[in-house]
Amino acid sequence: MKRMKINIIILFLAAAVVSLTGTAEASEKQQQPPANVTLTDQQKKEIEQLEADILKKRKDVVSKYVEYGVLPKERGEHIKNHMDKHFEMMKQNGFVPKPHPHPHKFEKRH
């Protein structure tokens, strides 16, 4: 009886792994933007405004971490400067995400 329970558990785990593998591959294909996508000026303005709002909120969070002593002031400033550089890079790229050269994949470890 104990052996039967172990076999059933193994069967469920195997089914879960097979299911996750298919899901990971499908979502990986969906995450890649189509090649040569360009946005209109109006679309860029809308995305820029949304990204600017997000940037402000994220910088506010970092400022709170500094205020509460979670981060030293220098580290907080470094993080905010990095966020500003990232925003400018996105702006230069027309707010179209570039495909990552090595997308995260579901890997078999053993």
PDB file of N, CA and C in Angstrom:
ATOM      1  N   MET A   1       0.832  -1.195   0.000  1.00  0.00           N
ATOM      2  CA  MET A   1       0.000   0.000   0.000  1.00  0.00           C
ATOM      3  C   MET A   1       0.881   1.265   0.000  1.00  0.00           C
ATOM      4  N   LYS A   2       1.950   1.224   0.807  1.00  0.00           N
ATOM      5  CA  LYS A   2       2.839   2.371   0.871  1.00  0.00           C
ATOM      6  C   LYS A   2       3.516   2.602  -0.482  1.00  0.00           C
ATOM      7  N   ARG A   3       3.910   1.525  -1.131  1.00  0.00           N
ATOM      8  CA  ARG A   3       4.553   1.601  -2.447  1.00  0.00           C
ATOM      9  C   ARG A   3       3.588   2.212  -3.475  1.00  0.00           C
ATOM     10  N   MET A   4       2.330   1.878  -3.367  1.00  0.00           N
ATOM     11  CA  MET A   4       1.328   2.399  -4.294  1.00  0.00           C
ATOM     12  C   MET A   4       1.175   3.914  -4.117  1.00  0.00           C
ATOM     13  N   LYS A   5       1.170   4.393  -2.877  1.00  0.00           N
ATOM     14  CA  LYS A   5       1.064   5.826  -2.606  1.00  0.00           C
ATOM     15  C   LYS A   5       2.266   6.567  -3.180  1.00  0.00           C
ATOM     16  N   ILE A   6       3.447   6.007  -3.023  1.00  0.00           N
ATOM     17  CA  ILE A   6       4.658   6.627  -3.554  1.00  0.00           C
ATOM     18  C   ILE A   6       4.585   6.714  -5.075  1.00  0.00           C
ATOM     19  N   ASN A   7       4.106   5.649  -5.710  1.00  0.00           N
ATOM     20  CA  ASN A   7       3.971   5.651  -7.167  1.00  0.00           C
ATOM     21  C   ASN A   7       2.980   6.709  -7.644  1.00  0.00           C
ATOM     22  N   ILE A   8       1.899   6.886  -6.918  1.00  0.00           N
ATOM     23  CA  ILE A   8       0.898   7.893  -7.284  1.00  0.00           C
ATOM     24  C   ILE A   8       1.492   9.288  -7.142  1.00  0.00           C
ATOM     25  N   ILE A   9       2.229   9.528  -6.070  1.00  0.00           N
ATOM     26  CA  ILE A   9       2.863  10.826  -5.860  1.00  0.00           C
ATOM     27  C   ILE A   9       3.868  11.112  -6.975  1.00  0.00           C
ATOM     28  N   ILE A  10       4.658  10.112  -7.331  1.00  0.00           N
ATOM     29  CA  ILE A  10       5.632  10.270  -8.403  1.00  0.00           C
ATOM     30  C   ILE A  10       4.928  10.569  -9.722  1.00  0.00           C
ATOM     31  N   LEU A  11       3.810   9.916  -9.972  1.00  0.00           N
ATOM     32  CA  LEU A  11       3.045  10.147 -11.188  1.00  0.00           C
ATOM     33  C   LEU A  11       2.550  11.593 -11.254  1.00  0.00           C
ATOM     34  N   PHE A  12       2.027  12.110 -10.132  1.00  0.00           N
ATOM     35  CA  PHE A  12       1.559  13.499 -10.097  1.00  0.00           C
ATOM     36  C   PHE A  12       2.710  14.477 -10.303  1.00  0.00           C
ATOM     37  N   LEU A  13       3.846  14.216  -9.688  1.00  0.00           N
ATOM     38  CA  LEU A  13       5.001  15.093  -9.862  1.00  0.00           C
ATOM     39  C   LEU A  13       5.481  15.096 -11.306  1.00  0.00           C
ATOM     40  N   ALA A  14       5.519  13.920 -11.920  1.00  0.00           N
ATOM     41  CA  ALA A  14       5.940  13.833 -13.318  1.00  0.00           C
ATOM     42  C   ALA A  14       4.978  14.612 -14.216  1.00  0.00           C
ATOM     43  N   ALA A  15       3.695  14.490 -13.957  1.00  0.00           N
ATOM     44  CA  ALA A  15       2.701  15.226 -14.751  1.00  0.00           C
ATOM     45  C   ALA A  15       2.879  16.733 -14.570  1.00  0.00           C
ATOM     46  N   ALA A  16       3.181  17.156 -13.352  1.00  0.00           N
ATOM     47  CA  ALA A  16       3.393  18.581 -13.089  1.00  0.00           C
ATOM     48  C   ALA A  16       4.614  19.098 -13.835  1.00  0.00           C
ATOM     49  N   VAL A  17       5.685  18.326 -13.838  1.00  0.00           N
ATOM     50  CA  VAL A  17       6.900  18.741 -14.542  1.00  0.00           C
ATOM     51  C   VAL A  17       6.648  18.854 -16.039  1.00  0.00           C
ATOM     52  N   VAL A  18       5.965  17.887 -16.610  1.00  0.00           N
ATOM     53  CA  VAL A  18       5.651  17.931 -18.043  1.00  0.00           C
ATOM     54  C   VAL A  18       4.780  19.141 -18.343  1.00  0.00           C
ATOM     55  N   SER A  19       3.819  19.413 -17.494  1.00  0.00           N
ATOM     56  CA  SER A  19       2.934  20.558 -17.678  1.00  0.00           C
ATOM     57  C   SER A  19       3.712  21.864 -17.607  1.00  0.00           C
ATOM     58  N   LEU A  20       4.620  22.008 -16.636  1.00  0.00           N
ATOM     59  CA  LEU A  20       5.402  23.230 -16.489  1.00  0.00           C
ATOM     60  C   LEU A  20       6.349  23.439 -17.664  1.00  0.00           C
ATOM     61  N   THR A  21       6.904  22.385 -18.178  1.00  0.00           N
ATOM     62  CA  THR A  21       7.813  22.501 -19.313  1.00  0.00           C
ATOM     63  C   THR A  21       7.080  23.073 -20.517  1.00  0.00           C
ATOM     64  N   GLY A  22       5.921  22.584 -20.806  1.00  0.00           N
ATOM     65  CA  GLY A  22       5.135  23.099 -21.919  1.00  0.00           C
ATOM     66  C   GLY A  22       4.731  24.539 -21.700  1.00  0.00           C
ATOM     67  N   THR A  23       4.357  24.889 -20.492  1.00  0.00           N
ATOM     68  CA  THR A  23       3.956  26.252 -20.161  1.00  0.00           C
ATOM     69  C   THR A  23       5.126  27.202 -20.302  1.00  0.00           C
ATOM     70  N   ALA A  24       6.309  26.795 -19.833  1.00  0.00           N
ATOM     71  CA  ALA A  24       7.489  27.656 -19.932  1.00  0.00           C
ATOM     72  C   ALA A  24       7.856  27.921 -21.382  1.00  0.00           C
ATOM     73  N   GLU A  25       7.801  26.901 -22.220  1.00  0.00           N
ATOM     74  CA  GLU A  25       8.129  27.084 -23.629  1.00  0.00           C
ATOM     75  C   GLU A  25       7.109  27.979 -24.321  1.00  0.00           C
ATOM     76  N   ALA A  26       5.850  27.806 -24.008  1.00  0.00           N
ATOM     77  CA  ALA A  26       4.801  28.619 -24.626  1.00  0.00           C
ATOM     78  C   ALA A  26       4.928  30.073 -24.193  1.00  0.00           C
ATOM     79  N   SER A  27       5.170  30.327 -22.909  1.00  0.00           N
ATOM     80  CA  SER A  27       5.270  31.707 -22.441  1.00  0.00           C
ATOM     81  C   SER A  27       6.527  32.368 -22.969  1.00  0.00           C
ATOM     82  N   GLU A  28       7.597  31.584 -23.187  1.00  0.00           N
ATOM     83  CA  GLU A  28       8.825  32.149 -23.746  1.00  0.00           C
ATOM     84  C   GLU A  28       8.578  32.681 -25.147  1.00  0.00           C
ATOM     85  N   LYS A  29       7.815  31.960 -25.942  1.00  0.00           N
ATOM     86  CA  LYS A  29       7.517  32.393 -27.298  1.00  0.00           C
ATOM     87  C   LYS A  29       6.640  33.638 -27.293  1.00  0.00           C
ATOM     88  N   GLN A  30       5.744  33.756 -26.331  1.00  0.00           N
ATOM     89  CA  GLN A  30       4.845  34.891 -26.262  1.00  0.00           C
ATOM     90  C   GLN A  30       5.545  36.155 -25.785  1.00  0.00           C
ATOM     91  N   GLN A  31       6.643  36.041 -25.053  1.00  0.00           N
ATOM     92  CA  GLN A  31       7.308  37.201 -24.476  1.00  0.00           C
ATOM     93  C   GLN A  31       8.126  37.989 -25.487  1.00  0.00           C
ATOM     94  N   GLN A  32       8.484  37.408 -26.609  1.00  0.00           N
ATOM     95  CA  GLN A  32       9.299  38.087 -27.596  1.00  0.00           C
ATOM     96  C   GLN A  32       8.430  39.036 -28.423  1.00  0.00           C
ATOM     97  N   PRO A  33       8.811  40.336 -28.457  1.00  0.00           N
ATOM     98  CA  PRO A  33       8.036  41.254 -29.291  1.00  0.00           C
ATOM     99  C   PRO A  33       8.298  40.969 -30.763  1.00  0.00           C
ATOM    100  N   PRO A  34       7.345  41.286 -31.615  1.00  0.00           N
ATOM    101  CA  PRO A  34       7.568  41.093 -33.049  1.00  0.00           C
ATOM    102  C   PRO A  34       8.761  41.925 -33.523  1.00  0.00           C
ATOM    103  N   ALA A  35       9.436  41.453 -34.552  1.00  0.00           N
ATOM    104  CA  ALA A  35      10.607  42.151 -35.066  1.00  0.00           C
ATOM    105  C   ALA A  35      10.206  43.475 -35.706  1.00  0.00           C
ATOM    106  N   ASN A  36      11.072  44.465 -35.582  1.00  0.00           N
ATOM    107  CA  ASN A  36      10.917  45.768 -36.231  1.00  0.00           C
ATOM    108  C   ASN A  36       9.627  46.494 -35.860  1.00  0.00           C
ATOM    109  N   VAL A  37       9.255  46.471 -34.604  1.00  0.00           N
ATOM    110  CA  VAL A  37       8.072  47.204 -34.145  1.00  0.00           C
ATOM    111  C   VAL A  37       8.488  48.637 -33.839  1.00  0.00           C
ATOM    112  N   THR A  38       7.713  49.583 -34.333  1.00  0.00           N
ATOM    113  CA  THR A  38       7.923  50.986 -33.983  1.00  0.00           C
ATOM    114  C   THR A  38       6.592  51.557 -33.519  1.00  0.00           C
ATOM    115  N   LEU A  39       6.675  52.448 -32.578  1.00  0.00           N
ATOM    116  CA  LEU A  39       5.477  53.086 -32.039  1.00  0.00           C
ATOM    117  C   LEU A  39       5.297  54.449 -32.685  1.00  0.00           C
ATOM    118  N   THR A  40       4.059  54.891 -32.749  1.00  0.00           N
ATOM    119  CA  THR A  40       3.791  56.242 -33.242  1.00  0.00           C
ATOM    120  C   THR A  40       4.233  57.240 -32.180  1.00  0.00           C
ATOM    121  N   ASP A  41       4.343  58.501 -32.561  1.00  0.00           N
ATOM    122  CA  ASP A  41       4.737  59.527 -31.590  1.00  0.00           C
ATOM    123  C   ASP A  41       3.747  59.604 -30.434  1.00  0.00           C
ATOM    124  N   GLN A  42       2.460  59.484 -30.732  1.00  0.00           N
ATOM    125  CA  GLN A  42       1.438  59.516 -29.685  1.00  0.00           C
ATOM    126  C   GLN A  42       1.604  58.326 -28.733  1.00  0.00           C
ATOM    127  N   GLN A  43       1.847  57.149 -29.282  1.00  0.00           N
ATOM    128  CA  GLN A  43       2.052  55.966 -28.440  1.00  0.00           C
ATOM    129  C   GLN A  43       3.290  56.129 -27.573  1.00  0.00           C
ATOM    130  N   LYS A  44       4.361  56.675 -28.148  1.00  0.00           N
ATOM    131  CA  LYS A  44       5.589  56.909 -27.376  1.00  0.00           C
ATOM    132  C   LYS A  44       5.323  57.869 -26.218  1.00  0.00           C
ATOM    133  N   LYS A  45       4.541  58.920 -26.491  1.00  0.00           N
ATOM    134  CA  LYS A  45       4.231  59.889 -25.436  1.00  0.00           C
ATOM    135  C   LYS A  45       3.443  59.231 -24.301  1.00  0.00           C
ATOM    136  N   GLU A  46       2.485  58.397 -24.667  1.00  0.00           N
ATOM    137  CA  GLU A  46       1.688  57.706 -23.647  1.00  0.00           C
ATOM    138  C   GLU A  46       2.554  56.777 -22.810  1.00  0.00           C
ATOM    139  N   ILE A  47       3.394  55.984 -23.479  1.00  0.00           N
ATOM    140  CA  ILE A  47       4.269  55.058 -22.759  1.00  0.00           C
ATOM    141  C   ILE A  47       5.265  55.831 -21.900  1.00  0.00           C
ATOM    142  N   GLU A  48       5.812  56.912 -22.456  1.00  0.00           N
ATOM    143  CA  GLU A  48       6.772  57.720 -21.698  1.00  0.00           C
ATOM    144  C   GLU A  48       6.137  58.261 -20.418  1.00  0.00           C
ATOM    145  N   GLN A  49       4.900  58.738 -20.507  1.00  0.00           N
ATOM    146  CA  GLN A  49       4.223  59.269 -19.322  1.00  0.00           C
ATOM    147  C   GLN A  49       4.008  58.168 -18.287  1.00  0.00           C
ATOM    148  N   LEU A  50       3.577  56.995 -18.729  1.00  0.00           N
ATOM    149  CA  LEU A  50       3.381  55.878 -17.799  1.00  0.00           C
ATOM    150  C   LEU A  50       4.705  55.462 -17.160  1.00  0.00           C
ATOM    151  N   GLU A  51       5.755  55.352 -17.976  1.00  0.00           N
ATOM    152  CA  GLU A  51       7.067  54.968 -17.446  1.00  0.00           C
ATOM    153  C   GLU A  51       7.611  56.030 -16.489  1.00  0.00           C
ATOM    154  N   ALA A  52       7.365  57.306 -16.788  1.00  0.00           N
ATOM    155  CA  ALA A  52       7.808  58.380 -15.894  1.00  0.00           C
ATOM    156  C   ALA A  52       7.086  58.290 -14.552  1.00  0.00           C
ATOM    157  N   ASP A  53       5.789  57.976 -14.585  1.00  0.00           N
ATOM    158  CA  ASP A  53       5.029  57.811 -13.342  1.00  0.00           C
ATOM    159  C   ASP A  53       5.576  56.649 -12.518  1.00  0.00           C
ATOM    160  N   ILE A  54       5.876  55.545 -13.202  1.00  0.00           N
ATOM    161  CA  ILE A  54       6.434  54.373 -12.519  1.00  0.00           C
ATOM    162  C   ILE A  54       7.793  54.714 -11.933  1.00  0.00           C
ATOM    163  N   LEU A  55       8.622  55.414 -12.702  1.00  0.00           N
ATOM    164  CA  LEU A  55       9.952  55.800 -12.233  1.00  0.00           C
ATOM    165  C   LEU A  55       9.854  56.640 -10.967  1.00  0.00           C
ATOM    166  N   LYS A  56       8.938  57.599 -10.957  1.00  0.00           N
ATOM    167  CA  LYS A  56       8.780  58.454  -9.774  1.00  0.00           C
ATOM    168  C   LYS A  56       8.391  57.624  -8.561  1.00  0.00           C
ATOM    169  N   LYS A  57       7.447  56.722  -8.728  1.00  0.00           N
ATOM    170  CA  LYS A  57       7.010  55.881  -7.607  1.00  0.00           C
ATOM    171  C   LYS A  57       8.156  55.008  -7.097  1.00  0.00           C
ATOM    172  N   ARG A  58       8.925  54.421  -8.021  1.00  0.00           N
ATOM    173  CA  ARG A  58      10.036  53.570  -7.598  1.00  0.00           C
ATOM    174  C   ARG A  58      11.091  54.377  -6.857  1.00  0.00           C
ATOM    175  N   LYS A  59      11.350  55.598  -7.332  1.00  0.00           N
ATOM    176  CA  LYS A  59      12.314  56.454  -6.647  1.00  0.00           C
ATOM    177  C   LYS A  59      11.788  56.862  -5.267  1.00  0.00           C
ATOM    178  N   ASP A  60      10.475  57.063  -5.157  1.00  0.00           N
ATOM    179  CA  ASP A  60       9.873  57.364  -3.858  1.00  0.00           C
ATOM    180  C   ASP A  60      10.073  56.201  -2.884  1.00  0.00           C
ATOM    181  N   VAL A  61       9.943  54.986  -3.382  1.00  0.00           N
ATOM    182  CA  VAL A  61      10.144  53.805  -2.532  1.00  0.00           C
ATOM    183  C   VAL A  61      11.588  53.745  -2.057  1.00  0.00           C
ATOM    184  N   VAL A  62      12.533  53.970  -2.954  1.00  0.00           N
ATOM    185  CA  VAL A  62      13.947  53.960  -2.563  1.00  0.00           C
ATOM    186  C   VAL A  62      14.211  55.046  -1.525  1.00  0.00           C
ATOM    187  N   SER A  63      13.625  56.224  -1.711  1.00  0.00           N
ATOM    188  CA  SER A  63      13.787  57.314  -0.744  1.00  0.00           C
ATOM    189  C   SER A  63      13.259  56.914   0.636  1.00  0.00           C
ATOM    190  N   LYS A  64      12.149  56.201   0.659  1.00  0.00           N
ATOM    191  CA  LYS A  64      11.601  55.733   1.940  1.00  0.00           C
ATOM    192  C   LYS A  64      12.537  54.722   2.601  1.00  0.00           C
ATOM    193  N   TYR A  65      13.130  53.828   1.786  1.00  0.00           N
ATOM    194  CA  TYR A  65      14.097  52.883   2.343  1.00  0.00           C
ATOM    195  C   TYR A  65      15.268  53.628   2.976  1.00  0.00           C
ATOM    196  N   VAL A  66      15.712  54.698   2.325  1.00  0.00           N
ATOM    197  CA  VAL A  66      16.804  55.502   2.879  1.00  0.00           C
ATOM    198  C   VAL A  66      16.333  56.171   4.171  1.00  0.00           C
ATOM    199  N   GLU A  67      15.145  56.745   4.133  1.00  0.00           N
ATOM    200  CA  GLU A  67      14.591  57.431   5.307  1.00  0.00           C
ATOM    201  C   GLU A  67      14.453  56.490   6.499  1.00  0.00           C
ATOM    202  N   TYR A  68      14.046  55.255   6.255  1.00  0.00           N
ATOM    203  CA  TYR A  68      13.838  54.283   7.334  1.00  0.00           C
ATOM    204  C   TYR A  68      15.117  53.559   7.742  1.00  0.00           C
ATOM    205  N   GLY A  69      16.224  53.878   7.070  1.00  0.00           N
ATOM    206  CA  GLY A  69      17.497  53.280   7.447  1.00  0.00           C
ATOM    207  C   GLY A  69      17.763  51.909   6.850  1.00  0.00           C
ATOM    208  N   VAL A  70      16.925  51.481   5.910  1.00  0.00           N
ATOM    209  CA  VAL A  70      17.129  50.184   5.266  1.00  0.00           C
ATOM    210  C   VAL A  70      18.314  50.269   4.301  1.00  0.00           C
ATOM    211  N   LEU A  71      18.438  51.404   3.609  1.00  0.00           N
ATOM    212  CA  LEU A  71      19.539  51.629   2.671  1.00  0.00           C
ATOM    213  C   LEU A  71      20.323  52.858   3.096  1.00  0.00           C
ATOM    214  N   PRO A  72      21.654  52.832   2.938  1.00  0.00           N
ATOM    215  CA  PRO A  72      22.416  54.060   3.166  1.00  0.00           C
ATOM    216  C   PRO A  72      22.116  55.078   2.060  1.00  0.00           C
ATOM    217  N   LYS A  73      22.277  56.352   2.361  1.00  0.00           N
ATOM    218  CA  LYS A  73      21.937  57.412   1.412  1.00  0.00           C
ATOM    219  C   LYS A  73      22.688  57.255   0.092  1.00  0.00           C
ATOM    220  N   GLU A  74      23.974  56.904   0.150  1.00  0.00           N
ATOM    221  CA  GLU A  74      24.780  56.764  -1.065  1.00  0.00           C
ATOM    222  C   GLU A  74      24.227  55.654  -1.959  1.00  0.00           C
ATOM    223  N   ARG A  75      23.834  54.549  -1.347  1.00  0.00           N
ATOM    224  CA  ARG A  75      23.291  53.426  -2.118  1.00  0.00           C
ATOM    225  C   ARG A  75      21.963  53.825  -2.760  1.00  0.00           C
ATOM    226  N   GLY A  76      21.129  54.543  -2.011  1.00  0.00           N
ATOM    227  CA  GLY A  76      19.852  55.012  -2.548  1.00  0.00           C
ATOM    228  C   GLY A  76      20.047  55.924  -3.745  1.00  0.00           C
ATOM    229  N   GLU A  77      21.022  56.829  -3.651  1.00  0.00           N
ATOM    230  CA  GLU A  77      21.303  57.727  -4.779  1.00  0.00           C
ATOM    231  C   GLU A  77      21.829  56.939  -5.979  1.00  0.00           C
ATOM    232  N   HIS A  78      22.664  55.950  -5.720  1.00  0.00           N
ATOM    233  CA  HIS A  78      23.188  55.115  -6.801  1.00  0.00           C
ATOM    234  C   HIS A  78      22.044  54.390  -7.518  1.00  0.00           C
ATOM    235  N   ILE A  79      21.128  53.839  -6.754  1.00  0.00           N
ATOM    236  CA  ILE A  79      19.989  53.117  -7.330  1.00  0.00           C
ATOM    237  C   ILE A  79      19.135  54.066  -8.169  1.00  0.00           C
ATOM    238  N   LYS A  80      18.852  55.242  -7.641  1.00  0.00           N
ATOM    239  CA  LYS A  80      18.022  56.204  -8.380  1.00  0.00           C
ATOM    240  C   LYS A  80      18.721  56.681  -9.653  1.00  0.00           C
ATOM    241  N   ASN A  81      20.038  56.880  -9.595  1.00  0.00           N
ATOM    242  CA  ASN A  81      20.778  57.261 -10.807  1.00  0.00           C
ATOM    243  C   ASN A  81      20.703  56.159 -11.856  1.00  0.00           C
ATOM    244  N   HIS A  82      20.804  54.910 -11.407  1.00  0.00           N
ATOM    245  CA  HIS A  82      20.704  53.778 -12.335  1.00  0.00           C
ATOM    246  C   HIS A  82      19.309  53.740 -12.973  1.00  0.00           C
ATOM    247  N   MET A  83      18.279  54.010 -12.186  1.00  0.00           N
ATOM    248  CA  MET A  83      16.913  54.042 -12.715  1.00  0.00           C
ATOM    249  C   MET A  83      16.777  55.130 -13.785  1.00  0.00           C
ATOM    250  N   ASP A  84      17.382  56.305 -13.523  1.00  0.00           N
ATOM    251  CA  ASP A  84      17.330  57.401 -14.497  1.00  0.00           C
ATOM    252  C   ASP A  84      18.020  57.013 -15.801  1.00  0.00           C
ATOM    253  N   LYS A  85      19.173  56.364 -15.700  1.00  0.00           N
ATOM    254  CA  LYS A  85      19.897  55.929 -16.899  1.00  0.00           C
ATOM    255  C   LYS A  85      19.078  54.911 -17.692  1.00  0.00           C
ATOM    256  N   HIS A  86      18.422  54.000 -16.976  1.00  0.00           N
ATOM    257  CA  HIS A  86      17.588  52.998 -17.640  1.00  0.00           C
ATOM    258  C   HIS A  86      16.419  53.668 -18.363  1.00  0.00           C
ATOM    259  N   PHE A  87      15.810  54.658 -17.725  1.00  0.00           N
ATOM    260  CA  PHE A  87      14.703  55.381 -18.353  1.00  0.00           C
ATOM    261  C   PHE A  87      15.169  56.064 -19.642  1.00  0.00           C
ATOM    262  N   GLU A  88      16.334  56.705 -19.589  1.00  0.00           N
ATOM    263  CA  GLU A  88      16.866  57.385 -20.778  1.00  0.00           C
ATOM    264  C   GLU A  88      17.173  56.392 -21.896  1.00  0.00           C
ATOM    265  N   MET A  89      17.666  55.210 -21.528  1.00  0.00           N
ATOM    266  CA  MET A  89      17.945  54.185 -22.528  1.00  0.00           C
ATOM    267  C   MET A  89      16.643  53.721 -23.188  1.00  0.00           C
ATOM    268  N   MET A  90      15.606  53.541 -22.385  1.00  0.00           N
ATOM    269  CA  MET A  90      14.309  53.147 -22.946  1.00  0.00           C
ATOM    270  C   MET A  90      13.787  54.234 -23.892  1.00  0.00           C
ATOM    271  N   LYS A  91      13.969  55.479 -23.486  1.00  0.00           N
ATOM    272  CA  LYS A  91      13.519  56.599 -24.309  1.00  0.00           C
ATOM    273  C   LYS A  91      14.256  56.605 -25.651  1.00  0.00           C
ATOM    274  N   GLN A  92      15.566  56.379 -25.625  1.00  0.00           N
ATOM    275  CA  GLN A  92      16.355  56.341 -26.860  1.00  0.00           C
ATOM    276  C   GLN A  92      15.918  55.194 -27.772  1.00  0.00           C
ATOM    277  N   ASN A  93      15.448  54.102 -27.173  1.00  0.00           N
ATOM    278  CA  ASN A  93      15.000  52.936 -27.948  1.00  0.00           C
ATOM    279  C   ASN A  93      13.538  53.020 -28.341  1.00  0.00           C
ATOM    280  N   GLY A  94      12.920  54.184 -28.142  1.00  0.00           N
ATOM    281  CA  GLY A  94      11.532  54.368 -28.542  1.00  0.00           C
ATOM    282  C   GLY A  94      10.547  53.588 -27.687  1.00  0.00           C
ATOM    283  N   PHE A  95      10.947  53.226 -26.468  1.00  0.00           N
ATOM    284  CA  PHE A  95      10.108  52.498 -25.507  1.00  0.00           C
ATOM    285  C   PHE A  95       9.627  51.151 -26.029  1.00  0.00           C
ATOM    286  N   VAL A  96      10.394  50.574 -26.958  1.00  0.00           N
ATOM    287  CA  VAL A  96      10.102  49.223 -27.430  1.00  0.00           C
ATOM    288  C   VAL A  96      11.114  48.294 -26.763  1.00  0.00           C
ATOM    289  N   PRO A  97      10.649  47.335 -25.972  1.00  0.00           N
ATOM    290  CA  PRO A  97      11.600  46.443 -25.292  1.00  0.00           C
ATOM    291  C   PRO A  97      12.395  45.621 -26.296  1.00  0.00           C
ATOM    292  N   LYS A  98      13.663  45.493 -26.010  1.00  0.00           N
ATOM    293  CA  LYS A  98      14.533  44.683 -26.864  1.00  0.00           C
ATOM    294  C   LYS A  98      14.508  43.243 -26.358  1.00  0.00           C
ATOM    295  N   PRO A  99      14.518  42.266 -27.266  1.00  0.00           N
ATOM    296  CA  PRO A  99      14.540  40.874 -26.809  1.00  0.00           C
ATOM    297  C   PRO A  99      15.838  40.579 -26.078  1.00  0.00           C
ATOM    298  N   HIS A 100      15.734  39.850 -25.010  1.00  0.00           N
ATOM    299  CA  HIS A 100      16.901  39.473 -24.218  1.00  0.00           C
ATOM    300  C   HIS A 100      17.662  38.396 -24.970  1.00  0.00           C
ATOM    301  N   PRO A 101      19.007  38.500 -25.039  1.00  0.00           N
ATOM    302  CA  PRO A 101      19.756  37.506 -25.804  1.00  0.00           C
ATOM    303  C   PRO A 101      19.680  36.097 -25.230  1.00  0.00           C
ATOM    304  N   HIS A 102      19.471  35.988 -23.947  1.00  0.00           N
ATOM    305  CA  HIS A 102      19.384  34.672 -23.307  1.00  0.00           C
ATOM    306  C   HIS A 102      18.154  34.642 -22.405  1.00  0.00           C
ATOM    307  N   PRO A 103      16.967  34.453 -22.984  1.00  0.00           N
ATOM    308  CA  PRO A 103      15.765  34.445 -22.148  1.00  0.00           C
ATOM    309  C   PRO A 103      15.816  33.306 -21.136  1.00  0.00           C
ATOM    310  N   HIS A 104      15.227  33.569 -20.001  1.00  0.00           N
ATOM    311  CA  HIS A 104      15.200  32.548 -18.954  1.00  0.00           C
ATOM    312  C   HIS A 104      14.416  31.339 -19.448  1.00  0.00           C
ATOM    313  N   LYS A 105      14.988  30.191 -19.223  1.00  0.00           N
ATOM    314  CA  LYS A 105      14.352  28.962 -19.659  1.00  0.00           C
ATOM    315  C   LYS A 105      14.181  28.038 -18.476  1.00  0.00           C
ATOM    316  N   PHE A 106      13.202  27.192 -18.576  1.00  0.00           N
ATOM    317  CA  PHE A 106      13.023  26.139 -17.587  1.00  0.00           C
ATOM    318  C   PHE A 106      14.107  25.106 -17.847  1.00  0.00           C
ATOM    319  N   GLU A 107      14.987  24.935 -16.896  1.00  0.00           N
ATOM    320  CA  GLU A 107      16.123  24.040 -17.092  1.00  0.00           C
ATOM    321  C   GLU A 107      15.964  22.766 -16.270  1.00  0.00           C
ATOM    322  N   LYS A 108      16.388  21.678 -16.857  1.00  0.00           N
ATOM    323  CA  LYS A 108      16.444  20.438 -16.108  1.00  0.00           C
ATOM    324  C   LYS A 108      17.756  20.442 -15.338  1.00  0.00           C
ATOM    325  N   ARG A 109      17.677  20.250 -14.070  1.00  0.00           N
ATOM    326  CA  ARG A 109      18.878  20.277 -13.241  1.00  0.00           C
ATOM    327  C   ARG A 109      19.520  18.883 -13.151  1.00  0.00           C
ATOM    328  N   HIS A 110      18.705  17.847 -13.292  1.00  0.00           N
ATOM    329  CA  HIS A 110      19.240  16.478 -13.172  1.00  0.00           C
ATOM    330  C   HIS A 110      18.573  15.587 -14.178  1.00  0.00           C
TER     331      HIS A 110
END
